[in-house]
Protein backbone atom coordinates (compact mmCIF):
# COMPACT_ATOMS: atom_id res chain seq x y z
CA UNK A 1 -60.87 18.91 -78.49
CA UNK A 2 -62.57 19.46 -75.08
CA UNK A 3 -61.79 16.68 -72.38
CA UNK A 4 -65.10 16.98 -70.68
CA UNK A 5 -66.99 16.62 -73.96
CA UNK A 6 -65.10 13.64 -74.92
CA UNK A 7 -65.43 12.25 -71.41
CA UNK A 8 -69.28 12.83 -71.57
CA UNK A 9 -69.52 11.07 -74.95
CA UNK A 10 -67.55 7.98 -73.63
CA UNK A 11 -69.82 7.76 -70.50
CA UNK A 12 -72.79 8.14 -72.99
CA UNK A 13 -71.65 5.31 -75.22
CA UNK A 14 -70.80 3.31 -72.21
CA UNK A 15 -74.14 3.57 -70.65
CA UNK A 16 -76.01 3.06 -73.91
CA UNK A 17 -74.17 -0.45 -74.18
CA UNK A 18 -75.11 -1.30 -70.63
CA UNK A 19 -71.72 -1.17 -69.31
CA UNK A 20 -70.35 -0.20 -66.02
CA UNK A 21 -67.14 1.57 -65.72
CA UNK A 22 -65.43 -1.60 -64.36
CA UNK A 23 -66.81 -3.74 -67.31
CA UNK A 24 -65.61 -1.05 -69.89
CA UNK A 25 -62.25 -1.08 -68.11
CA UNK A 26 -61.98 -4.88 -68.10
CA UNK A 27 -62.85 -5.00 -71.86
CA UNK A 28 -60.17 -2.43 -72.87
CA UNK A 29 -57.39 -3.39 -70.29
CA UNK A 30 -57.70 -0.53 -67.87
CA UNK A 31 -59.09 -0.03 -64.28
CA UNK A 32 -62.51 1.58 -63.55
CA UNK A 33 -60.65 4.41 -62.04
CA UNK A 34 -59.05 5.21 -65.34
CA UNK A 35 -62.27 5.25 -67.03
CA UNK A 36 -63.72 7.49 -64.37
CA UNK A 37 -60.86 9.84 -65.19
CA UNK A 38 -61.58 9.81 -68.78
CA UNK A 39 -65.29 10.55 -68.33
CA UNK A 40 -64.81 13.39 -65.84
CA UNK A 41 -62.17 15.01 -68.17
CA UNK A 42 -59.21 14.60 -65.98
CA UNK A 43 -57.18 13.22 -68.90
CA UNK A 44 -57.31 11.94 -72.45
CA UNK A 45 -57.53 8.32 -73.29
CA UNK A 46 -54.44 7.06 -74.90
CA UNK A 47 -54.61 6.13 -78.70
CA UNK A 48 -54.59 2.41 -78.01
CA UNK A 49 -57.70 2.68 -75.64
CA UNK A 50 -59.54 5.05 -78.17
CA UNK A 51 -58.91 2.28 -80.86
CA UNK A 52 -60.41 -0.37 -78.59
CA UNK A 53 -63.44 1.83 -77.63
CA UNK A 54 -64.14 2.91 -81.26
CA UNK A 55 -64.24 -1.04 -82.11
CA UNK A 56 -66.48 -1.79 -79.08
CA UNK A 57 -68.83 1.06 -79.44
CA UNK A 58 -69.00 0.95 -83.37
CA UNK A 59 -67.70 4.49 -83.75
CA UNK A 60 -64.58 5.95 -85.43
CA UNK A 61 -61.83 7.48 -83.22
CA UNK A 62 -62.68 10.79 -84.85
CA UNK A 63 -66.21 10.63 -83.45
CA UNK A 64 -64.85 9.84 -80.09
CA UNK A 65 -62.81 12.97 -80.29
């Protein structure tokens, strides 16, 4: 589980869905700075955020990780 790879995949999914970091954050209940930290591999999204992103993007949590 490489944080940078996970972050890059989250960024890719977000862009494919036409969302800004701020829009993604609003949809899952975090700030755009939090989304940025995930995407740059600073830290790992918590389980509840992973679940929300998996539903939003139509992927499994395993695929996100």
